[in-house]
Amino acid sequence: MKDRIKSKANELFKRYGIRSVTMDEIATQLGISKKTIYQSFTDKDDIVSEVVKDHLESSEQDCLSCKLDAENAVHEVFLAMDRVIAHLRDMHPAMVFDLHKFHYEAFRKFQTFKDEFLYKGIEDNLKRGIEEGLYRHEINIEILSKFRVESVYFSFNPNTFSPEKHTPADVHMELMVHFLFGLSTPEGYKQIEKYLFDRKKQHHEGS
């Protein structure tokens, strides 16, 4: 029952945003009473915290999988980018904003993931790219790692990018490609263009 509640809550949060989803709505969607929900969770904040925890654990596994499956540093970024975009396409733009404003404990988990795990992953990717000759050796790894971490979630800011005009997925893709081109060597540039071409071809064939 606890997993069913988390799954339905996650579905509703992604569709409508966190703030607009009530305990009554979750109960109605599941065909159960609120009392049943309270047997597994203290309150809505508890549900949000658990949903975020599961999402972050899944994201960690995605990142590690991309690192192992990638042909090189640039390929690793493209693999990760496709997985992130897949998540963003069905996520309500206000989710991160709601998390920040109304659910401190869940947002703290989110911040820890961003500042520790994600930062380390980006840092490792930059080091790998330099070793492979795909990224310029003179780049400042610390500065660019922190910049990239912050830009990942920059795409969620509704005050900067109107969701009606630019989806988080579109913003993320544009910023990621710009970031890659900015740190690449001529060989890295070729790899970026190759993966962009392959990605465009796959999407064309799938449409």
C-alpha atoms as a PDB file:
ATOM      1  CA  MET A   1       0.000   0.000   0.000  1.00  0.00           C
ATOM      2  CA  LYS A   2       2.823   2.397   0.818  1.00  0.00           C
ATOM      3  CA  ASP A   3       4.358   1.895  -2.626  1.00  0.00           C
ATOM      4  CA  ARG A   4       0.965   2.356  -4.295  1.00  0.00           C
ATOM      5  CA  ILE A   5       0.471   5.641  -2.456  1.00  0.00           C
ATOM      6  CA  LYS A   6       3.939   6.888  -3.427  1.00  0.00           C
ATOM      7  CA  SER A   7       3.428   5.867  -7.045  1.00  0.00           C
ATOM      8  CA  LYS A   8       0.086   7.643  -7.357  1.00  0.00           C
ATOM      9  CA  ALA A   9       1.367  10.737  -5.531  1.00  0.00           C
ATOM     10  CA  ASN A  10       4.377  10.906  -7.842  1.00  0.00           C
ATOM     11  CA  GLU A  11       2.098  10.628 -10.880  1.00  0.00           C
ATOM     12  CA  LEU A  12      -0.117  13.458  -9.633  1.00  0.00           C
ATOM     13  CA  PHE A  13       2.808  15.664  -8.601  1.00  0.00           C
ATOM     14  CA  LYS A  14       4.344  15.373 -12.065  1.00  0.00           C
ATOM     15  CA  ARG A  15       1.050  16.169 -13.728  1.00  0.00           C
ATOM     16  CA  TYR A  16      -0.217  19.028 -11.566  1.00  0.00           C
ATOM     17  CA  GLY A  17       2.702  20.189  -9.424  1.00  0.00           C
ATOM     18  CA  ILE A  18       3.136  19.372  -5.746  1.00  0.00           C
ATOM     19  CA  ARG A  19       1.266  22.254  -4.142  1.00  0.00           C
ATOM     20  CA  SER A  20      -2.042  21.682  -5.950  1.00  0.00           C
ATOM     21  CA  VAL A  21      -2.283  17.966  -5.047  1.00  0.00           C
ATOM     22  CA  THR A  22      -4.101  17.331  -1.765  1.00  0.00           C
ATOM     23  CA  MET A  23      -4.289  14.254   0.448  1.00  0.00           C
ATOM     24  CA  ASP A  24      -7.964  14.026  -0.515  1.00  0.00           C
ATOM     25  CA  GLU A  25      -7.027  13.898  -4.195  1.00  0.00           C
ATOM     26  CA  ILE A  26      -4.469  11.132  -3.636  1.00  0.00           C
ATOM     27  CA  ALA A  27      -7.009   9.112  -1.647  1.00  0.00           C
ATOM     28  CA  THR A  28      -9.736   9.607  -4.265  1.00  0.00           C
ATOM     29  CA  GLN A  29      -7.446   8.588  -7.116  1.00  0.00           C
ATOM     30  CA  LEU A  30      -6.512   5.396  -5.265  1.00  0.00           C
ATOM     31  CA  GLY A  31     -10.065   4.647  -4.147  1.00  0.00           C
ATOM     32  CA  ILE A  32      -9.054   4.543  -0.484  1.00  0.00           C
ATOM     33  CA  SER A  33      -9.682   6.673   2.598  1.00  0.00           C
ATOM     34  CA  LYS A  34      -7.305   9.309   3.929  1.00  0.00           C
ATOM     35  CA  LYS A  35      -7.098   7.222   7.091  1.00  0.00           C
ATOM     36  CA  THR A  36      -5.426   4.474   5.041  1.00  0.00           C
ATOM     37  CA  ILE A  37      -2.828   6.953   3.783  1.00  0.00           C
ATOM     38  CA  TYR A  38      -2.130   8.142   7.328  1.00  0.00           C
ATOM     39  CA  GLN A  39      -1.373   4.573   8.350  1.00  0.00           C
ATOM     40  CA  SER A  40       1.698   4.741   6.075  1.00  0.00           C
ATOM     41  CA  PHE A  41       2.593   8.447   6.079  1.00  0.00           C
ATOM     42  CA  THR A  42       2.527  11.162   8.728  1.00  0.00           C
ATOM     43  CA  ASP A  43       1.348  13.868   6.328  1.00  0.00           C
ATOM     44  CA  LYS A  44       1.755  15.161   2.774  1.00  0.00           C
ATOM     45  CA  ASP A  45       5.250  16.412   3.574  1.00  0.00           C
ATOM     46  CA  ASP A  46       6.221  12.856   4.484  1.00  0.00           C
ATOM     47  CA  ILE A  47       4.898  11.578   1.138  1.00  0.00           C
ATOM     48  CA  VAL A  48       6.788  14.260  -0.776  1.00  0.00           C
ATOM     49  CA  SER A  49      10.004  13.430   1.069  1.00  0.00           C
ATOM     50  CA  GLU A  50       9.656   9.719   0.253  1.00  0.00           C
ATOM     51  CA  VAL A  51       8.830  10.383  -3.411  1.00  0.00           C
ATOM     52  CA  VAL A  52      11.854  12.653  -3.770  1.00  0.00           C
ATOM     53  CA  LYS A  53      14.095  10.097  -2.031  1.00  0.00           C
ATOM     54  CA  ASP A  54      13.025   7.389  -4.501  1.00  0.00           C
ATOM     55  CA  HIS A  55      13.517   9.730  -7.446  1.00  0.00           C
ATOM     56  CA  LEU A  56      17.026  10.708  -6.355  1.00  0.00           C
ATOM     57  CA  GLU A  57      18.046   7.093  -5.810  1.00  0.00           C
ATOM     58  CA  SER A  58      16.798   6.266  -9.301  1.00  0.00           C
ATOM     59  CA  SER A  59      18.693   9.243 -10.720  1.00  0.00           C
ATOM     60  CA  GLU A  60      21.900   8.068  -9.066  1.00  0.00           C
ATOM     61  CA  GLN A  61      21.542   4.669 -10.700  1.00  0.00           C
ATOM     62  CA  ASP A  62      20.871   6.335 -14.064  1.00  0.00           C
ATOM     63  CA  CYS A  63      24.033   8.418 -13.760  1.00  0.00           C
ATOM     64  CA  LEU A  64      26.183   5.437 -12.816  1.00  0.00           C
ATOM     65  CA  SER A  65      24.721   3.405 -15.673  1.00  0.00           C
ATOM     66  CA  CYS A  66      25.493   6.183 -18.181  1.00  0.00           C
ATOM     67  CA  LYS A  67      29.067   6.342 -16.938  1.00  0.00           C
ATOM     68  CA  LEU A  68      29.568   2.596 -17.416  1.00  0.00           C
ATOM     69  CA  ASP A  69      27.818   2.392 -20.800  1.00  0.00           C
ATOM     70  CA  ALA A  70      29.436   5.452 -22.403  1.00  0.00           C
ATOM     71  CA  GLU A  71      32.036   5.190 -25.153  1.00  0.00           C
ATOM     72  CA  ASN A  72      33.667   8.405 -23.939  1.00  0.00           C
ATOM     73  CA  ALA A  73      33.011  11.518 -21.852  1.00  0.00           C
ATOM     74  CA  VAL A  74      30.900  13.241 -24.513  1.00  0.00           C
ATOM     75  CA  HIS A  75      28.814  10.120 -25.041  1.00  0.00           C
ATOM     76  CA  GLU A  76      28.254   9.902 -21.278  1.00  0.00           C
ATOM     77  CA  VAL A  77      26.773  13.401 -21.286  1.00  0.00           C
ATOM     78  CA  PHE A  78      24.445  12.567 -24.179  1.00  0.00           C
ATOM     79  CA  LEU A  79      23.254   9.368 -22.493  1.00  0.00           C
ATOM     80  CA  ALA A  80      22.560  11.277 -19.280  1.00  0.00           C
ATOM     81  CA  MET A  81      20.909  14.104 -21.186  1.00  0.00           C
ATOM     82  CA  ASP A  82      18.431  11.776 -22.884  1.00  0.00           C
ATOM     83  CA  ARG A  83      17.456  10.241 -19.542  1.00  0.00           C
ATOM     84  CA  VAL A  84      17.033  13.643 -17.897  1.00  0.00           C
ATOM     85  CA  ILE A  85      14.932  14.923 -20.787  1.00  0.00           C
ATOM     86  CA  ALA A  86      12.734  11.815 -20.626  1.00  0.00           C
ATOM     87  CA  HIS A  87      11.979  12.690 -16.988  1.00  0.00           C
ATOM     88  CA  LEU A  88      11.458  16.379 -17.708  1.00  0.00           C
ATOM     89  CA  ARG A  89       8.962  15.874 -20.513  1.00  0.00           C
ATOM     90  CA  ASP A  90       6.277  14.559 -18.144  1.00  0.00           C
ATOM     91  CA  MET A  91       7.171  16.743 -15.163  1.00  0.00           C
ATOM     92  CA  HIS A  92       5.150  19.796 -14.166  1.00  0.00           C
ATOM     93  CA  PRO A  93       7.392  22.908 -14.409  1.00  0.00           C
ATOM     94  CA  ALA A  94       6.419  24.040 -10.899  1.00  0.00           C
ATOM     95  CA  MET A  95       7.592  20.884  -9.118  1.00  0.00           C
ATOM     96  CA  VAL A  96      11.026  22.146  -8.078  1.00  0.00           C
ATOM     97  CA  PHE A  97       9.617  25.549  -7.127  1.00  0.00           C
ATOM     98  CA  ASP A  98       6.942  23.879  -4.962  1.00  0.00           C
ATOM     99  CA  LEU A  99       9.585  21.695  -3.369  1.00  0.00           C
ATOM    100  CA  HIS A 100      11.745  24.701  -2.521  1.00  0.00           C
ATOM    101  CA  LYS A 101       8.941  26.776  -1.060  1.00  0.00           C
ATOM    102  CA  PHE A 102       6.756  24.262   0.763  1.00  0.00           C
ATOM    103  CA  HIS A 103       8.729  21.098   1.586  1.00  0.00           C
ATOM    104  CA  TYR A 104      12.016  21.873   3.321  1.00  0.00           C
ATOM    105  CA  GLU A 105      13.114  18.325   4.203  1.00  0.00           C
ATOM    106  CA  ALA A 106      12.560  17.016   0.675  1.00  0.00           C
ATOM    107  CA  PHE A 107      14.282  20.053  -0.813  1.00  0.00           C
ATOM    108  CA  ARG A 108      17.252  19.519   1.508  1.00  0.00           C
ATOM    109  CA  LYS A 109      17.651  16.000   0.086  1.00  0.00           C
ATOM    110  CA  PHE A 110      17.451  17.471  -3.378  1.00  0.00           C
ATOM    111  CA  GLN A 111      20.132  20.047  -2.551  1.00  0.00           C
ATOM    112  CA  THR A 112      22.442  17.398  -1.084  1.00  0.00           C
ATOM    113  CA  PHE A 113      22.083  15.286  -4.226  1.00  0.00           C
ATOM    114  CA  LYS A 114      22.853  18.294  -6.403  1.00  0.00           C
ATOM    115  CA  ASP A 115      25.785  19.626  -4.399  1.00  0.00           C
ATOM    116  CA  GLU A 116      27.462  16.292  -3.673  1.00  0.00           C
ATOM    117  CA  PHE A 117      26.547  13.426  -6.002  1.00  0.00           C
ATOM    118  CA  LEU A 118      25.802  15.440  -9.133  1.00  0.00           C
ATOM    119  CA  TYR A 119      28.780  17.742  -8.633  1.00  0.00           C
ATOM    120  CA  LYS A 120      31.115  14.742  -8.281  1.00  0.00           C
ATOM    121  CA  GLY A 121      29.673  13.129 -11.416  1.00  0.00           C
ATOM    122  CA  ILE A 122      30.226  16.259 -13.484  1.00  0.00           C
ATOM    123  CA  GLU A 123      33.718  16.703 -12.067  1.00  0.00           C
ATOM    124  CA  ASP A 124      34.596  13.099 -12.994  1.00  0.00           C
ATOM    125  CA  ASN A 125      33.209  13.577 -16.486  1.00  0.00           C
ATOM    126  CA  LEU A 126      35.334  16.688 -17.033  1.00  0.00           C
ATOM    127  CA  LYS A 127      38.456  14.842 -15.866  1.00  0.00           C
ATOM    128  CA  ARG A 128      37.613  11.922 -18.137  1.00  0.00           C
ATOM    129  CA  GLY A 129      37.092  14.229 -21.104  1.00  0.00           C
ATOM    130  CA  ILE A 130      40.462  15.906 -20.556  1.00  0.00           C
ATOM    131  CA  GLU A 131      42.215  12.535 -20.351  1.00  0.00           C
ATOM    132  CA  GLU A 132      40.518  11.441 -23.585  1.00  0.00           C
ATOM    133  CA  GLY A 133      41.510  14.652 -25.365  1.00  0.00           C
ATOM    134  CA  LEU A 134      37.893  15.701 -25.853  1.00  0.00           C
ATOM    135  CA  TYR A 135      37.854  18.617 -23.391  1.00  0.00           C
ATOM    136  CA  ARG A 136      40.454  21.392 -23.214  1.00  0.00           C
ATOM    137  CA  HIS A 137      43.126  20.693 -20.595  1.00  0.00           C
ATOM    138  CA  GLU A 138      43.216  24.291 -19.353  1.00  0.00           C
ATOM    139  CA  ILE A 139      39.589  24.429 -18.178  1.00  0.00           C
ATOM    140  CA  ASN A 140      38.931  25.110 -14.496  1.00  0.00           C
ATOM    141  CA  ILE A 141      37.192  21.916 -13.394  1.00  0.00           C
ATOM    142  CA  GLU A 142      35.865  23.282 -10.105  1.00  0.00           C
ATOM    143  CA  ILE A 143      34.314  26.394 -11.645  1.00  0.00           C
ATOM    144  CA  LEU A 144      32.740  24.546 -14.573  1.00  0.00           C
ATOM    145  CA  SER A 145      31.447  21.718 -12.369  1.00  0.00           C
ATOM    146  CA  LYS A 146      29.666  24.204 -10.102  1.00  0.00           C
ATOM    147  CA  PHE A 147      28.370  26.160 -13.085  1.00  0.00           C
ATOM    148  CA  ARG A 148      26.991  23.012 -14.681  1.00  0.00           C
ATOM    149  CA  VAL A 149      25.339  21.836 -11.438  1.00  0.00           C
ATOM    150  CA  GLU A 150      23.493  25.123 -11.092  1.00  0.00           C
ATOM    151  CA  SER A 151      22.516  25.297 -14.765  1.00  0.00           C
ATOM    152  CA  VAL A 152      20.882  21.863 -14.568  1.00  0.00           C
ATOM    153  CA  TYR A 153      18.186  23.291 -12.302  1.00  0.00           C
ATOM    154  CA  PHE A 154      18.192  26.741 -13.861  1.00  0.00           C
ATOM    155  CA  SER A 155      15.793  25.326 -16.455  1.00  0.00           C
ATOM    156  CA  PHE A 156      13.117  24.837 -13.771  1.00  0.00           C
ATOM    157  CA  ASN A 157      12.865  28.526 -12.843  1.00  0.00           C
ATOM    158  CA  PRO A 158       9.448  29.716 -14.104  1.00  0.00           C
ATOM    159  CA  ASN A 159      10.491  33.339 -13.558  1.00  0.00           C
ATOM    160  CA  THR A 160      13.311  32.934 -16.084  1.00  0.00           C
ATOM    161  CA  PHE A 161      11.788  30.589 -18.648  1.00  0.00           C
ATOM    162  CA  SER A 162       8.041  30.623 -19.169  1.00  0.00           C
ATOM    163  CA  PRO A 163       6.863  26.979 -19.414  1.00  0.00           C
ATOM    164  CA  GLU A 164       4.418  28.000 -22.139  1.00  0.00           C
ATOM    165  CA  LYS A 165       7.302  29.208 -24.311  1.00  0.00           C
ATOM    166  CA  HIS A 166      10.267  27.027 -23.269  1.00  0.00           C
ATOM    167  CA  THR A 167       9.822  23.637 -21.615  1.00  0.00           C
ATOM    168  CA  PRO A 168      12.423  22.547 -19.015  1.00  0.00           C
ATOM    169  CA  ALA A 169      13.460  19.762 -21.414  1.00  0.00           C
ATOM    170  CA  ASP A 170      14.146  22.230 -24.242  1.00  0.00           C
ATOM    171  CA  VAL A 171      16.069  24.591 -21.950  1.00  0.00           C
ATOM    172  CA  HIS A 172      18.137  21.725 -20.533  1.00  0.00           C
ATOM    173  CA  MET A 173      19.061  20.474 -24.009  1.00  0.00           C
ATOM    174  CA  GLU A 174      20.074  23.920 -25.241  1.00  0.00           C
ATOM    175  CA  LEU A 175      22.228  24.671 -22.191  1.00  0.00           C
ATOM    176  CA  MET A 176      23.875  21.243 -22.251  1.00  0.00           C
ATOM    177  CA  VAL A 177      24.938  21.484 -25.894  1.00  0.00           C
ATOM    178  CA  HIS A 178      26.204  25.032 -25.350  1.00  0.00           C
ATOM    179  CA  PHE A 179      28.207  23.860 -22.315  1.00  0.00           C
ATOM    180  CA  LEU A 180      29.793  20.973 -24.237  1.00  0.00           C
ATOM    181  CA  PHE A 181      30.835  23.074 -27.197  1.00  0.00           C
ATOM    182  CA  GLY A 182      32.369  25.629 -24.836  1.00  0.00           C
ATOM    183  CA  LEU A 183      34.814  23.179 -23.246  1.00  0.00           C
ATOM    184  CA  SER A 184      35.580  20.876 -26.183  1.00  0.00           C
ATOM    185  CA  THR A 185      38.754  20.394 -28.212  1.00  0.00           C
ATOM    186  CA  PRO A 186      38.508  20.007 -32.013  1.00  0.00           C
ATOM    187  CA  GLU A 187      38.181  16.244 -31.501  1.00  0.00           C
ATOM    188  CA  GLY A 188      35.535  16.789 -28.841  1.00  0.00           C
ATOM    189  CA  TYR A 189      33.685  19.108 -31.224  1.00  0.00           C
ATOM    190  CA  LYS A 190      33.560  16.276 -33.782  1.00  0.00           C
ATOM    191  CA  GLN A 191      32.180  13.884 -31.190  1.00  0.00           C
ATOM    192  CA  ILE A 192      29.469  16.350 -30.152  1.00  0.00           C
ATOM    193  CA  GLU A 193      28.382  16.831 -33.765  1.00  0.00           C
ATOM    194  CA  LYS A 194      28.381  13.048 -34.273  1.00  0.00           C
ATOM    195  CA  TYR A 195      26.136  12.393 -31.275  1.00  0.00           C
ATOM    196  CA  LEU A 196      23.850  15.301 -32.193  1.00  0.00           C
ATOM    197  CA  PHE A 197      23.480  13.844 -35.686  1.00  0.00           C
ATOM    198  CA  ASP A 198      22.850  10.338 -34.324  1.00  0.00           C
ATOM    199  CA  ARG A 199      20.297  11.677 -31.848  1.00  0.00           C
ATOM    200  CA  LYS A 200      18.473  13.674 -34.531  1.00  0.00           C
ATOM    201  CA  LYS A 201      18.437  10.623 -36.810  1.00  0.00           C
ATOM    202  CA  GLN A 202      17.022   8.373 -34.090  1.00  0.00           C
ATOM    203  CA  HIS A 203      14.280  10.870 -33.241  1.00  0.00           C
ATOM    204  CA  HIS A 204      13.424  11.270 -36.933  1.00  0.00           C
ATOM    205  CA  GLU A 205      13.171   7.501 -37.388  1.00  0.00           C
ATOM    206  CA  GLY A 206      11.058   7.198 -34.252  1.00  0.00           C
ATOM    207  CA  SER A 207       8.581   9.883 -35.289  1.00  0.00           C
END
